[in-house]
Amino acid sequence: MRILGIESSCDETGVGLYDTERGLLAHRVHSQIALHAEYGGVVPELASRDHVRRVVPLVRETLAAAGCEASQLDGVGYTAGPGLAGALLVGAAFAEAYAFGLGIPALPVHHLEGHLLSPLLSADPPQFPFVALLVSGGHTQLMRVSAVGAYDLLGETVDDAAGEAFDKTAKLIGLDYPGGPALARLAGEGVAGRFKLPRPMLHSGDLQFSFSGLKTAVLTATKQANWQASQRADLAAEFQEAVTDVLASKAIAALKQTGLRTLVVAGGVGANRRLRERLNEMAERRKFRVHYPELEFCSDNGAMIALAAGLRFAQGEKGSREGRFAVRPRWPLNELRPPIVAA
């Protein structure tokens, strides 16, 4: 089966083409970073309008890159949530109309399921079951993943997620949008330990997360009388080390709790070099496997949506041919179920 995937949940328009036998055939992504940079963050209305402009050309480019005609498609998957309502509606409207016009099924996909399964696109994919550390935007969660759609929530953030904390901390220390990657780059120039920041909930005894207090600690440090702008790199390094300590420790605790020996790290923060270094070191020492998506699949992309839809279609889920759709800007991942097989 050849499945087209459409991603438009926030500020990237992504299109992917996945073949359930041959794997990923092609994908294209357009980032809106330049569009939103002057505003210091994503402007939802501008994001929606840009998705309208980009989705059709990207579909054409992706199909051409794969040497595939629209008539050869077997289904279309699209991000139905969570995300920005207007942006989701653009992708959903296009995907449902495109599928209806071709007489093929359309399938709504959970954005976080796409991230969760994205390491399956790699040359060395993980095997079920595994523990997943999902660190994407406003989400930080630990899941036990038994199969496609079989996700048991082990722990999650009670306030700011790791990605949000990166972005907000970057703004506090004067970095430009997008703040998270900029802070990670700056941290590479600094020395952790010259500031003392807390490790929130590190010893809480559960698998919950909390990063709002860490952000507040950074703000307090920048307001001290002896604060110097030249110390930003050291503060960034200490912040990154604090987040890494918590994420790595909780991930190890989740492996112990479940008795599993495979960890998957997915989402935008999963691209963080320091986090990968720490987890790789721990994996070697504690004898477990850790898998990451390729860097190009850590940020939002259509390939992961095509993959998630393709896996569900391949396991018998039928999708819809009626051209009807609804998006869910808020959609808990643990509401998902294994693929629905029509009678």
C-alpha atoms as a PDB file:
ATOM      1  CA  MET A   1       0.000   0.000   0.000  1.00  0.00           C
ATOM      2  CA  ARG A   2       1.165   3.508  -0.820  1.00  0.00           C
ATOM      3  CA  ILE A   3       0.035   6.039   1.769  1.00  0.00           C
ATOM      4  CA  LEU A   4       0.334   9.825   1.513  1.00  0.00           C
ATOM      5  CA  GLY A   5       0.810  11.627   4.853  1.00  0.00           C
ATOM      6  CA  ILE A   6      -0.084  15.267   5.553  1.00  0.00           C
ATOM      7  CA  GLU A   7       1.220  17.121   8.634  1.00  0.00           C
ATOM      8  CA  SER A   8      -0.002  20.647   9.466  1.00  0.00           C
ATOM      9  CA  SER A   9      -0.398  20.767  13.237  1.00  0.00           C
ATOM     10  CA  CYS A  10       1.713  23.873  13.862  1.00  0.00           C
ATOM     11  CA  ASP A  11       4.412  25.693  11.899  1.00  0.00           C
ATOM     12  CA  GLU A  12       5.692  23.025   9.502  1.00  0.00           C
ATOM     13  CA  THR A  13       3.879  21.779   6.438  1.00  0.00           C
ATOM     14  CA  GLY A  14       4.978  18.193   5.910  1.00  0.00           C
ATOM     15  CA  VAL A  15       4.162  15.637   3.231  1.00  0.00           C
ATOM     16  CA  GLY A  16       5.413  12.044   3.128  1.00  0.00           C
ATOM     17  CA  LEU A  17       4.854   8.987   0.942  1.00  0.00           C
ATOM     18  CA  TYR A  18       5.172   5.615   2.659  1.00  0.00           C
ATOM     19  CA  ASP A  19       4.960   2.178   1.055  1.00  0.00           C
ATOM     20  CA  THR A  20       4.065  -0.587   3.509  1.00  0.00           C
ATOM     21  CA  GLU A  21       6.423  -2.971   1.685  1.00  0.00           C
ATOM     22  CA  ARG A  22       9.248  -0.681   0.559  1.00  0.00           C
ATOM     23  CA  GLY A  23       9.283   1.895   3.351  1.00  0.00           C
ATOM     24  CA  LEU A  24       9.540   5.665   2.980  1.00  0.00           C
ATOM     25  CA  LEU A  25       9.636   6.691  -0.681  1.00  0.00           C
ATOM     26  CA  ALA A  26       9.928  10.482  -0.330  1.00  0.00           C
ATOM     27  CA  HIS A  27       9.045  13.388   1.918  1.00  0.00           C
ATOM     28  CA  ARG A  28       9.137  17.176   1.911  1.00  0.00           C
ATOM     29  CA  VAL A  29       8.873  19.747   4.714  1.00  0.00           C
ATOM     30  CA  HIS A  30       8.418  23.505   4.634  1.00  0.00           C
ATOM     31  CA  SER A  31       9.305  25.312   7.868  1.00  0.00           C
ATOM     32  CA  GLN A  32       7.680  28.611   8.826  1.00  0.00           C
ATOM     33  CA  ILE A  33      10.498  29.758  11.103  1.00  0.00           C
ATOM     34  CA  ALA A  34      11.290  32.822   8.993  1.00  0.00           C
ATOM     35  CA  LEU A  35       7.589  33.742   8.840  1.00  0.00           C
ATOM     36  CA  HIS A  36       7.142  33.792  12.619  1.00  0.00           C
ATOM     37  CA  ALA A  37      10.600  34.988  13.682  1.00  0.00           C
ATOM     38  CA  GLU A  38       9.715  38.676  13.772  1.00  0.00           C
ATOM     39  CA  TYR A  39       6.851  37.931  16.180  1.00  0.00           C
ATOM     40  CA  GLY A  40       8.949  35.829  18.555  1.00  0.00           C
ATOM     41  CA  GLY A  41       6.605  32.846  18.281  1.00  0.00           C
ATOM     42  CA  VAL A  42       3.993  31.113  16.164  1.00  0.00           C
ATOM     43  CA  VAL A  43       1.054  33.250  15.018  1.00  0.00           C
ATOM     44  CA  PRO A  44      -1.786  30.753  14.419  1.00  0.00           C
ATOM     45  CA  GLU A  45      -3.557  32.697  11.652  1.00  0.00           C
ATOM     46  CA  LEU A  46      -0.338  33.160   9.695  1.00  0.00           C
ATOM     47  CA  ALA A  47       0.496  29.487  10.166  1.00  0.00           C
ATOM     48  CA  SER A  48      -2.866  28.414   8.745  1.00  0.00           C
ATOM     49  CA  ARG A  49      -2.552  30.678   5.712  1.00  0.00           C
ATOM     50  CA  ASP A  50       0.930  29.406   4.957  1.00  0.00           C
ATOM     51  CA  HIS A  51      -0.248  25.794   5.107  1.00  0.00           C
ATOM     52  CA  VAL A  52      -2.854  26.684   2.471  1.00  0.00           C
ATOM     53  CA  ARG A  53      -0.114  28.029   0.202  1.00  0.00           C
ATOM     54  CA  ARG A  54       2.322  25.158   0.708  1.00  0.00           C
ATOM     55  CA  VAL A  55       0.423  21.895   0.886  1.00  0.00           C
ATOM     56  CA  VAL A  56      -0.428  21.410  -2.800  1.00  0.00           C
ATOM     57  CA  PRO A  57       3.079  22.193  -4.139  1.00  0.00           C
ATOM     58  CA  LEU A  58       4.621  19.924  -1.495  1.00  0.00           C
ATOM     59  CA  VAL A  59       2.326  17.048  -2.445  1.00  0.00           C
ATOM     60  CA  ARG A  60       3.323  17.461  -6.077  1.00  0.00           C
ATOM     61  CA  GLU A  61       7.024  17.595  -5.179  1.00  0.00           C
ATOM     62  CA  THR A  62       6.792  14.506  -2.992  1.00  0.00           C
ATOM     63  CA  LEU A  63       4.955  12.429  -5.581  1.00  0.00           C
ATOM     64  CA  ALA A  64       7.400  13.524  -8.281  1.00  0.00           C
ATOM     65  CA  ALA A  65      10.396  12.671  -6.105  1.00  0.00           C
ATOM     66  CA  ALA A  66       9.000   9.157  -5.612  1.00  0.00           C
ATOM     67  CA  GLY A  67       8.035   8.731  -9.263  1.00  0.00           C
ATOM     68  CA  CYS A  68       4.469   8.106  -8.139  1.00  0.00           C
ATOM     69  CA  GLU A  69       1.185   9.203  -9.698  1.00  0.00           C
ATOM     70  CA  ALA A  70      -1.753  10.238  -7.535  1.00  0.00           C
ATOM     71  CA  SER A  71      -3.735   7.406  -9.102  1.00  0.00           C
ATOM     72  CA  GLN A  72      -1.285   4.934  -7.535  1.00  0.00           C
ATOM     73  CA  LEU A  73      -2.093   5.992  -3.970  1.00  0.00           C
ATOM     74  CA  ASP A  74      -4.038   3.624  -1.722  1.00  0.00           C
ATOM     75  CA  GLY A  75      -4.847   5.987   1.130  1.00  0.00           C
ATOM     76  CA  VAL A  76      -4.184   9.351   2.775  1.00  0.00           C
ATOM     77  CA  GLY A  77      -3.330   9.945   6.424  1.00  0.00           C
ATOM     78  CA  TYR A  78      -3.442  13.373   8.018  1.00  0.00           C
ATOM     79  CA  THR A  79      -2.772  14.922  11.406  1.00  0.00           C
ATOM     80  CA  ALA A  80      -6.128  15.467  13.113  1.00  0.00           C
ATOM     81  CA  GLY A  81      -4.673  16.607  16.454  1.00  0.00           C
ATOM     82  CA  PRO A  82      -3.404  17.756  18.783  1.00  0.00           C
ATOM     83  CA  GLY A  83      -2.294  21.139  17.456  1.00  0.00           C
ATOM     84  CA  LEU A  84      -3.536  24.535  16.325  1.00  0.00           C
ATOM     85  CA  ALA A  85      -7.179  24.255  15.262  1.00  0.00           C
ATOM     86  CA  GLY A  86      -6.893  26.365  12.109  1.00  0.00           C
ATOM     87  CA  ALA A  87      -3.680  24.696  10.990  1.00  0.00           C
ATOM     88  CA  LEU A  88      -5.142  21.223  11.560  1.00  0.00           C
ATOM     89  CA  LEU A  89      -8.240  22.143   9.542  1.00  0.00           C
ATOM     90  CA  VAL A  90      -6.133  23.043   6.518  1.00  0.00           C
ATOM     91  CA  GLY A  91      -4.443  19.640   6.421  1.00  0.00           C
ATOM     92  CA  ALA A  92      -7.645  17.759   7.226  1.00  0.00           C
ATOM     93  CA  ALA A  93      -9.691  19.568   4.565  1.00  0.00           C
ATOM     94  CA  PHE A  94      -7.073  18.972   1.891  1.00  0.00           C
ATOM     95  CA  ALA A  95      -6.472  15.326   2.817  1.00  0.00           C
ATOM     96  CA  GLU A  96     -10.155  14.399   2.968  1.00  0.00           C
ATOM     97  CA  ALA A  97     -10.946  16.195  -0.298  1.00  0.00           C
ATOM     98  CA  TYR A  98      -7.915  14.707  -2.054  1.00  0.00           C
ATOM     99  CA  ALA A  99      -8.780  11.194  -0.899  1.00  0.00           C
ATOM    100  CA  PHE A 100     -12.441  11.636  -1.811  1.00  0.00           C
ATOM    101  CA  GLY A 101     -11.504  12.812  -5.286  1.00  0.00           C
ATOM    102  CA  LEU A 102      -9.274   9.769  -5.795  1.00  0.00           C
ATOM    103  CA  GLY A 103     -11.824   7.362  -4.340  1.00  0.00           C
ATOM    104  CA  ILE A 104      -9.440   6.149  -1.619  1.00  0.00           C
ATOM    105  CA  PRO A 105      -9.798   6.146   2.184  1.00  0.00           C
ATOM    106  CA  ALA A 106      -8.600   8.941   4.463  1.00  0.00           C
ATOM    107  CA  LEU A 107      -7.444   8.302   8.008  1.00  0.00           C
ATOM    108  CA  PRO A 108      -7.041  10.853  10.841  1.00  0.00           C
ATOM    109  CA  VAL A 109      -3.729  10.380  12.672  1.00  0.00           C
ATOM    110  CA  HIS A 110      -2.671  11.455  16.147  1.00  0.00           C
ATOM    111  CA  HIS A 111       0.321  13.778  15.869  1.00  0.00           C
ATOM    112  CA  LEU A 112       2.073  12.212  18.855  1.00  0.00           C
ATOM    113  CA  GLU A 113       1.529   8.700  17.516  1.00  0.00           C
ATOM    114  CA  GLY A 114       3.483   9.859  14.475  1.00  0.00           C
ATOM    115  CA  HIS A 115       6.369  10.993  16.686  1.00  0.00           C
ATOM    116  CA  LEU A 116       6.140   7.842  18.794  1.00  0.00           C
ATOM    117  CA  LEU A 117       6.468   5.559  15.775  1.00  0.00           C
ATOM    118  CA  SER A 118       8.992   7.691  13.838  1.00  0.00           C
ATOM    119  CA  PRO A 119      12.033   5.611  14.948  1.00  0.00           C
ATOM    120  CA  LEU A 120      10.507   2.764  12.915  1.00  0.00           C
ATOM    121  CA  LEU A 121      11.635   4.717   9.830  1.00  0.00           C
ATOM    122  CA  SER A 122      15.295   4.202  10.756  1.00  0.00           C
ATOM    123  CA  ALA A 123      17.610   1.526   9.396  1.00  0.00           C
ATOM    124  CA  ASP A 124      17.668  -0.109  12.856  1.00  0.00           C
ATOM    125  CA  PRO A 125      14.063   0.107  14.059  1.00  0.00           C
ATOM    126  CA  PRO A 126      13.032  -0.910  17.590  1.00  0.00           C
ATOM    127  CA  GLN A 127      10.934  -3.991  18.230  1.00  0.00           C
ATOM    128  CA  PHE A 128       7.735  -3.970  20.291  1.00  0.00           C
ATOM    129  CA  PRO A 129       7.330  -3.722  23.224  1.00  0.00           C
ATOM    130  CA  PHE A 130       9.387  -0.737  24.348  1.00  0.00           C
ATOM    131  CA  VAL A 131       9.340   2.288  26.629  1.00  0.00           C
ATOM    132  CA  ALA A 132       8.969   5.589  24.807  1.00  0.00           C
ATOM    133  CA  LEU A 133      10.175   8.941  26.104  1.00  0.00           C
ATOM    134  CA  LEU A 134       8.102  11.398  24.100  1.00  0.00           C
ATOM    135  CA  VAL A 135       9.433  14.964  24.290  1.00  0.00           C
ATOM    136  CA  SER A 136       7.645  17.067  21.694  1.00  0.00           C
ATOM    137  CA  GLY A 137       6.622  20.704  22.146  1.00  0.00           C
ATOM    138  CA  GLY A 138       4.059  20.880  24.939  1.00  0.00           C
ATOM    139  CA  HIS A 139       4.291  17.160  25.684  1.00  0.00           C
ATOM    140  CA  THR A 140       6.667  15.201  27.905  1.00  0.00           C
ATOM    141  CA  GLN A 141       5.455  11.662  28.489  1.00  0.00           C
ATOM    142  CA  LEU A 142       6.668   8.167  29.237  1.00  0.00           C
ATOM    143  CA  MET A 143       4.680   5.404  27.562  1.00  0.00           C
ATOM    144  CA  ARG A 144       4.769   1.625  27.456  1.00  0.00           C
ATOM    145  CA  VAL A 145       4.297   0.781  23.784  1.00  0.00           C
ATOM    146  CA  SER A 146       3.124  -2.788  23.166  1.00  0.00           C
ATOM    147  CA  ALA A 147       1.970  -2.408  19.541  1.00  0.00           C
ATOM    148  CA  VAL A 148       0.545   0.190  17.174  1.00  0.00           C
ATOM    149  CA  GLY A 149      -2.206   1.896  19.164  1.00  0.00           C
ATOM    150  CA  ALA A 150      -1.427   0.039  22.400  1.00  0.00           C
ATOM    151  CA  TYR A 151      -0.011   2.805  24.570  1.00  0.00           C
ATOM    152  CA  ASP A 152      -0.004   2.807  28.367  1.00  0.00           C
ATOM    153  CA  LEU A 153       0.790   6.139  29.990  1.00  0.00           C
ATOM    154  CA  LEU A 154       3.440   5.771  32.691  1.00  0.00           C
ATOM    155  CA  GLY A 155       4.038   9.421  33.515  1.00  0.00           C
ATOM    156  CA  GLU A 156       3.755  12.921  32.096  1.00  0.00           C
ATOM    157  CA  THR A 157       4.418  16.550  32.872  1.00  0.00           C
ATOM    158  CA  VAL A 158       2.191  18.304  35.386  1.00  0.00           C
ATOM    159  CA  ASP A 159       2.985  21.780  34.021  1.00  0.00           C
ATOM    160  CA  ASP A 160       5.580  22.969  31.490  1.00  0.00           C
ATOM    161  CA  ALA A 161       6.919  20.258  29.207  1.00  0.00           C
ATOM    162  CA  ALA A 162      10.636  20.009  28.437  1.00  0.00           C
ATOM    163  CA  GLY A 163      10.251  21.613  25.009  1.00  0.00           C
ATOM    164  CA  GLU A 164       8.242  24.507  26.457  1.00  0.00           C
ATOM    165  CA  ALA A 165      10.850  24.997  29.176  1.00  0.00           C
ATOM    166  CA  PHE A 166      13.607  25.189  26.543  1.00  0.00           C
ATOM    167  CA  ASP A 167      11.708  27.807  24.533  1.00  0.00           C
ATOM    168  CA  LYS A 168      10.680  29.916  27.531  1.00  0.00           C
ATOM    169  CA  THR A 169      14.133  29.783  29.107  1.00  0.00           C
ATOM    170  CA  ALA A 170      15.693  30.851  25.817  1.00  0.00           C
ATOM    171  CA  LYS A 171      13.459  33.921  25.780  1.00  0.00           C
ATOM    172  CA  LEU A 172      14.361  34.701  29.410  1.00  0.00           C
ATOM    173  CA  ILE A 173      18.073  34.849  28.559  1.00  0.00           C
ATOM    174  CA  GLY A 174      17.534  36.884  25.400  1.00  0.00           C
ATOM    175  CA  LEU A 175      17.729  34.336  22.594  1.00  0.00           C
ATOM    176  CA  ASP A 176      15.780  34.713  19.372  1.00  0.00           C
ATOM    177  CA  TYR A 177      12.974  32.456  18.121  1.00  0.00           C
ATOM    178  CA  PRO A 178      13.043  29.482  17.804  1.00  0.00           C
ATOM    179  CA  GLY A 179      14.518  29.430  21.274  1.00  0.00           C
ATOM    180  CA  GLY A 180      14.974  25.733  22.042  1.00  0.00           C
ATOM    181  CA  PRO A 181      17.572  24.929  19.355  1.00  0.00           C
ATOM    182  CA  ALA A 182      19.307  28.264  19.995  1.00  0.00           C
ATOM    183  CA  LEU A 183      19.622  27.473  23.705  1.00  0.00           C
ATOM    184  CA  ALA A 184      21.037  24.013  22.955  1.00  0.00           C
ATOM    185  CA  ARG A 185      23.667  25.550  20.673  1.00  0.00           C
ATOM    186  CA  LEU A 186      24.585  28.134  23.298  1.00  0.00           C
ATOM    187  CA  ALA A 187      24.812  25.440  25.974  1.00  0.00           C
ATOM    188  CA  GLY A 188      27.558  23.801  23.936  1.00  0.00           C
ATOM    189  CA  GLU A 189      29.700  26.886  24.553  1.00  0.00           C
ATOM    190  CA  GLY A 190      29.155  26.943  28.312  1.00  0.00           C
ATOM    191  CA  VAL A 191      30.110  24.930  31.383  1.00  0.00           C
ATOM    192  CA  ALA A 192      27.432  23.270  33.495  1.00  0.00           C
ATOM    193  CA  GLY A 193      27.826  23.607  37.256  1.00  0.00           C
ATOM    194  CA  ARG A 194      28.799  27.261  37.433  1.00  0.00           C
ATOM    195  CA  PHE A 195      25.152  27.915  38.253  1.00  0.00           C
ATOM    196  CA  LYS A 196      23.128  25.682  40.531  1.00  0.00           C
ATOM    197  CA  LEU A 197      19.684  24.903  39.176  1.00  0.00           C
ATOM    198  CA  PRO A 198      17.199  22.403  40.654  1.00  0.00           C
ATOM    199  CA  ARG A 199      16.316  19.022  39.158  1.00  0.00           C
ATOM    200  CA  PRO A 200      12.514  19.139  39.619  1.00  0.00           C
ATOM    201  CA  MET A 201      10.856  15.889  40.750  1.00  0.00           C
ATOM    202  CA  LEU A 202      14.090  13.942  40.248  1.00  0.00           C
ATOM    203  CA  HIS A 203      13.453  12.037  43.486  1.00  0.00           C
ATOM    204  CA  SER A 204       9.644  12.130  43.451  1.00  0.00           C
ATOM    205  CA  GLY A 205       9.367   8.348  43.378  1.00  0.00           C
ATOM    206  CA  ASP A 206       7.088   8.402  40.338  1.00  0.00           C
ATOM    207  CA  LEU A 207       7.380   9.044  36.601  1.00  0.00           C
ATOM    208  CA  GLN A 208       5.864  12.527  36.570  1.00  0.00           C
ATOM    209  CA  PHE A 209       7.690  15.629  35.308  1.00  0.00           C
ATOM    210  CA  SER A 210       7.634  19.329  36.179  1.00  0.00           C
ATOM    211  CA  PHE A 211       9.765  21.990  34.494  1.00  0.00           C
ATOM    212  CA  SER A 212       8.051  25.286  35.408  1.00  0.00           C
ATOM    213  CA  GLY A 213      10.120  25.630  38.585  1.00  0.00           C
ATOM    214  CA  LEU A 214      13.318  25.188  36.596  1.00  0.00           C
ATOM    215  CA  LYS A 215      12.289  28.047  34.335  1.00  0.00           C
ATOM    216  CA  THR A 216      11.607  30.195  37.413  1.00  0.00           C
ATOM    217  CA  ALA A 217      15.056  29.343  38.804  1.00  0.00           C
ATOM    218  CA  VAL A 218      16.616  30.606  35.568  1.00  0.00           C
ATOM    219  CA  LEU A 219      14.647  33.848  35.858  1.00  0.00           C
ATOM    220  CA  THR A 220      15.868  34.267  39.447  1.00  0.00           C
ATOM    221  CA  ALA A 221      19.468  33.740  38.350  1.00  0.00           C
ATOM    222  CA  THR A 222      19.201  36.433  35.659  1.00  0.00           C
ATOM    223  CA  LYS A 223      17.905  38.944  38.207  1.00  0.00           C
ATOM    224  CA  GLN A 224      20.757  38.552  40.665  1.00  0.00           C
ATOM    225  CA  ALA A 225      22.822  41.676  41.191  1.00  0.00           C
ATOM    226  CA  ASN A 226      26.015  40.070  39.881  1.00  0.00           C
ATOM    227  CA  TRP A 227      24.399  38.621  36.733  1.00  0.00           C
ATOM    228  CA  GLN A 228      26.410  39.215  33.568  1.00  0.00           C
ATOM    229  CA  ALA A 229      25.173  38.628  30.021  1.00  0.00           C
ATOM    230  CA  SER A 230      28.500  36.936  29.309  1.00  0.00           C
ATOM    231  CA  GLN A 231      27.380  34.131  31.633  1.00  0.00           C
ATOM    232  CA  ARG A 232      24.478  33.130  29.398  1.00  0.00           C
ATOM    233  CA  ALA A 233      26.298  30.129  27.946  1.00  0.00           C
ATOM    234  CA  ASP A 234      27.038  28.718  31.401  1.00  0.00           C
ATOM    235  CA  LEU A 235      23.430  29.230  32.489  1.00  0.00           C
ATOM    236  CA  ALA A 236      22.195  27.571  29.286  1.00  0.00           C
ATOM    237  CA  ALA A 237      24.545  24.630  29.876  1.00  0.00           C
ATOM    238  CA  GLU A 238      23.335  24.174  33.454  1.00  0.00           C
ATOM    239  CA  PHE A 239      19.694  24.385  32.352  1.00  0.00           C
ATOM    240  CA  GLN A 240      20.243  21.773  29.647  1.00  0.00           C
ATOM    241  CA  GLU A 241      22.049  19.521  32.124  1.00  0.00           C
ATOM    242  CA  ALA A 242      19.170  19.822  34.598  1.00  0.00           C
ATOM    243  CA  VAL A 243      16.573  18.843  31.982  1.00  0.00           C
ATOM    244  CA  THR A 244      18.786  16.001  30.763  1.00  0.00           C
ATOM    245  CA  ASP A 245      19.289  14.678  34.307  1.00  0.00           C
ATOM    246  CA  VAL A 246      15.541  14.500  34.888  1.00  0.00           C
ATOM    247  CA  LEU A 247      14.606  13.007  31.511  1.00  0.00           C
ATOM    248  CA  ALA A 248      17.328  10.355  31.639  1.00  0.00           C
ATOM    249  CA  SER A 249      16.633   9.397  35.253  1.00  0.00           C
ATOM    250  CA  LYS A 250      12.890   9.019  34.685  1.00  0.00           C
ATOM    251  CA  ALA A 251      13.451   7.017  31.502  1.00  0.00           C
ATOM    252  CA  ILE A 252      15.685   4.564  33.387  1.00  0.00           C
ATOM    253  CA  ALA A 253      13.068   4.312  36.133  1.00  0.00           C
ATOM    254  CA  ALA A 254      10.421   3.503  33.509  1.00  0.00           C
ATOM    255  CA  LEU A 255      12.568   0.690  32.113  1.00  0.00           C
ATOM    256  CA  LYS A 256      12.993  -0.733  35.610  1.00  0.00           C
ATOM    257  CA  GLN A 257       9.270  -0.448  36.345  1.00  0.00           C
ATOM    258  CA  THR A 258       8.218  -2.226  33.146  1.00  0.00           C
ATOM    259  CA  GLY A 259      11.085  -4.708  33.003  1.00  0.00           C
ATOM    260  CA  LEU A 260      11.763  -3.758  29.380  1.00  0.00           C
ATOM    261  CA  ARG A 261      15.216  -3.310  27.851  1.00  0.00           C
ATOM    262  CA  THR A 262      14.418  -1.042  24.898  1.00  0.00           C
ATOM    263  CA  LEU A 263      13.971   2.732  25.075  1.00  0.00           C
ATOM    264  CA  VAL A 264      12.717   4.925  22.238  1.00  0.00           C
ATOM    265  CA  VAL A 265      13.210   8.695  22.373  1.00  0.00           C
ATOM    266  CA  ALA A 266      11.055  10.753  20.020  1.00  0.00           C
ATOM    267  CA  GLY A 267       9.995  14.350  19.421  1.00  0.00           C
ATOM    268  CA  GLY A 268      11.861  17.612  18.955  1.00  0.00           C
ATOM    269  CA  VAL A 269      13.852  17.468  22.202  1.00  0.00           C
ATOM    270  CA  GLY A 270      14.927  13.980  21.150  1.00  0.00           C
ATOM    271  CA  ALA A 271      17.321  15.710  18.743  1.00  0.00           C
ATOM    272  CA  ASN A 272      19.201  17.297  21.658  1.00  0.00           C
ATOM    273  CA  ARG A 273      22.821  16.148  21.463  1.00  0.00           C
ATOM    274  CA  ARG A 274      23.449  16.224  25.219  1.00  0.00           C
ATOM    275  CA  LEU A 275      20.368  14.118  25.941  1.00  0.00           C
ATOM    276  CA  ARG A 276      21.490  11.556  23.375  1.00  0.00           C
ATOM    277  CA  GLU A 277      24.998  11.460  24.827  1.00  0.00           C
ATOM    278  CA  ARG A 278      23.669  10.860  28.339  1.00  0.00           C
ATOM    279  CA  LEU A 279      21.246   8.134  27.302  1.00  0.00           C
ATOM    280  CA  ASN A 280      23.840   6.409  25.132  1.00  0.00           C
ATOM    281  CA  GLU A 281      26.259   6.355  28.057  1.00  0.00           C
ATOM    282  CA  MET A 282      23.610   4.923  30.362  1.00  0.00           C
ATOM    283  CA  ALA A 283      22.518   2.356  27.768  1.00  0.00           C
ATOM    284  CA  GLU A 284      26.067   1.059  27.427  1.00  0.00           C
ATOM    285  CA  ARG A 285      26.558   0.912  31.177  1.00  0.00           C
ATOM    286  CA  ARG A 286      23.166  -0.638  32.004  1.00  0.00           C
ATOM    287  CA  LYS A 287      22.920  -2.890  28.938  1.00  0.00           C
ATOM    288  CA  PHE A 288      19.731  -1.679  27.304  1.00  0.00           C
ATOM    289  CA  ARG A 289      18.998  -0.492  23.748  1.00  0.00           C
ATOM    290  CA  VAL A 290      18.063   3.090  22.924  1.00  0.00           C
ATOM    291  CA  HIS A 291      16.612   4.181  19.584  1.00  0.00           C
ATOM    292  CA  TYR A 292      16.098   7.643  18.127  1.00  0.00           C
ATOM    293  CA  PRO A 293      14.480   8.843  14.920  1.00  0.00           C
ATOM    294  CA  GLU A 294      16.800  10.302  12.298  1.00  0.00           C
ATOM    295  CA  LEU A 295      17.316  14.010  12.984  1.00  0.00           C
ATOM    296  CA  GLU A 296      15.134  14.979  10.012  1.00  0.00           C
ATOM    297  CA  PHE A 297      12.230  13.092  11.623  1.00  0.00           C
ATOM    298  CA  CYS A 298      12.530  14.629  15.097  1.00  0.00           C
ATOM    299  CA  SER A 299      10.713  17.812  14.107  1.00  0.00           C
ATOM    300  CA  ASP A 300       7.207  17.725  12.616  1.00  0.00           C
ATOM    301  CA  ASN A 301       7.085  15.961   9.255  1.00  0.00           C
ATOM    302  CA  GLY A 302       4.723  14.169   6.911  1.00  0.00           C
ATOM    303  CA  ALA A 303       6.809  10.994   6.801  1.00  0.00           C
ATOM    304  CA  MET A 304       5.859  10.015  10.341  1.00  0.00           C
ATOM    305  CA  ILE A 305       2.164  10.647   9.608  1.00  0.00           C
ATOM    306  CA  ALA A 306       2.334   8.525   6.450  1.00  0.00           C
ATOM    307  CA  LEU A 307       4.063   5.796   8.486  1.00  0.00           C
ATOM    308  CA  ALA A 308       1.472   5.826  11.286  1.00  0.00           C
ATOM    309  CA  ALA A 309      -1.394   5.743   8.798  1.00  0.00           C
ATOM    310  CA  GLY A 310       0.330   3.053   6.739  1.00  0.00           C
ATOM    311  CA  LEU A 311       0.796   0.791   9.761  1.00  0.00           C
ATOM    312  CA  ARG A 312      -2.859   1.175  10.707  1.00  0.00           C
ATOM    313  CA  PHE A 313      -4.077   0.547   7.160  1.00  0.00           C
ATOM    314  CA  ALA A 314      -1.794  -2.497   6.885  1.00  0.00           C
ATOM    315  CA  GLN A 315      -3.303  -3.963  10.053  1.00  0.00           C
ATOM    316  CA  GLY A 316      -6.822  -3.697   8.717  1.00  0.00           C
ATOM    317  CA  GLU A 317      -8.108  -0.248   9.618  1.00  0.00           C
ATOM    318  CA  LYS A 318     -10.311   0.998   6.799  1.00  0.00           C
ATOM    319  CA  GLY A 319     -10.453   4.768   7.218  1.00  0.00           C
ATOM    320  CA  SER A 320     -13.294   6.774   5.674  1.00  0.00           C
ATOM    321  CA  ARG A 321     -14.355   7.385   2.080  1.00  0.00           C
ATOM    322  CA  GLU A 322     -17.112   9.881   2.916  1.00  0.00           C
ATOM    323  CA  GLY A 323     -15.122  13.100   2.807  1.00  0.00           C
ATOM    324  CA  ARG A 324     -16.077  13.987   6.370  1.00  0.00           C
ATOM    325  CA  PHE A 325     -13.594  15.163   8.954  1.00  0.00           C
ATOM    326  CA  ALA A 326     -13.154  16.661  12.385  1.00  0.00           C
ATOM    327  CA  VAL A 327      -9.990  17.829  14.123  1.00  0.00           C
ATOM    328  CA  ARG A 328      -9.089  17.561  17.784  1.00  0.00           C
ATOM    329  CA  PRO A 329      -6.781  20.377  18.963  1.00  0.00           C
ATOM    330  CA  ARG A 330      -6.670  18.571  22.320  1.00  0.00           C
ATOM    331  CA  TRP A 331      -6.402  14.799  22.004  1.00  0.00           C
ATOM    332  CA  PRO A 332      -4.823  12.679  24.772  1.00  0.00           C
ATOM    333  CA  LEU A 333      -2.577   9.994  23.309  1.00  0.00           C
ATOM    334  CA  ASN A 334      -3.801   7.381  25.773  1.00  0.00           C
ATOM    335  CA  GLU A 335      -7.258   7.566  24.169  1.00  0.00           C
ATOM    336  CA  LEU A 336      -5.873   5.786  21.096  1.00  0.00           C
ATOM    337  CA  ARG A 337      -6.630   2.125  20.536  1.00  0.00           C
ATOM    338  CA  PRO A 338      -5.128  -0.539  18.236  1.00  0.00           C
ATOM    339  CA  PRO A 339      -6.197  -0.370  14.581  1.00  0.00           C
ATOM    340  CA  ILE A 340      -9.949  -0.761  14.075  1.00  0.00           C
ATOM    341  CA  VAL A 341     -10.733  -3.616  11.726  1.00  0.00           C
ATOM    342  CA  ALA A 342     -14.052  -3.184   9.960  1.00  0.00           C
ATOM    343  CA  ALA A 343     -16.391  -6.158  10.064  1.00  0.00           C
END
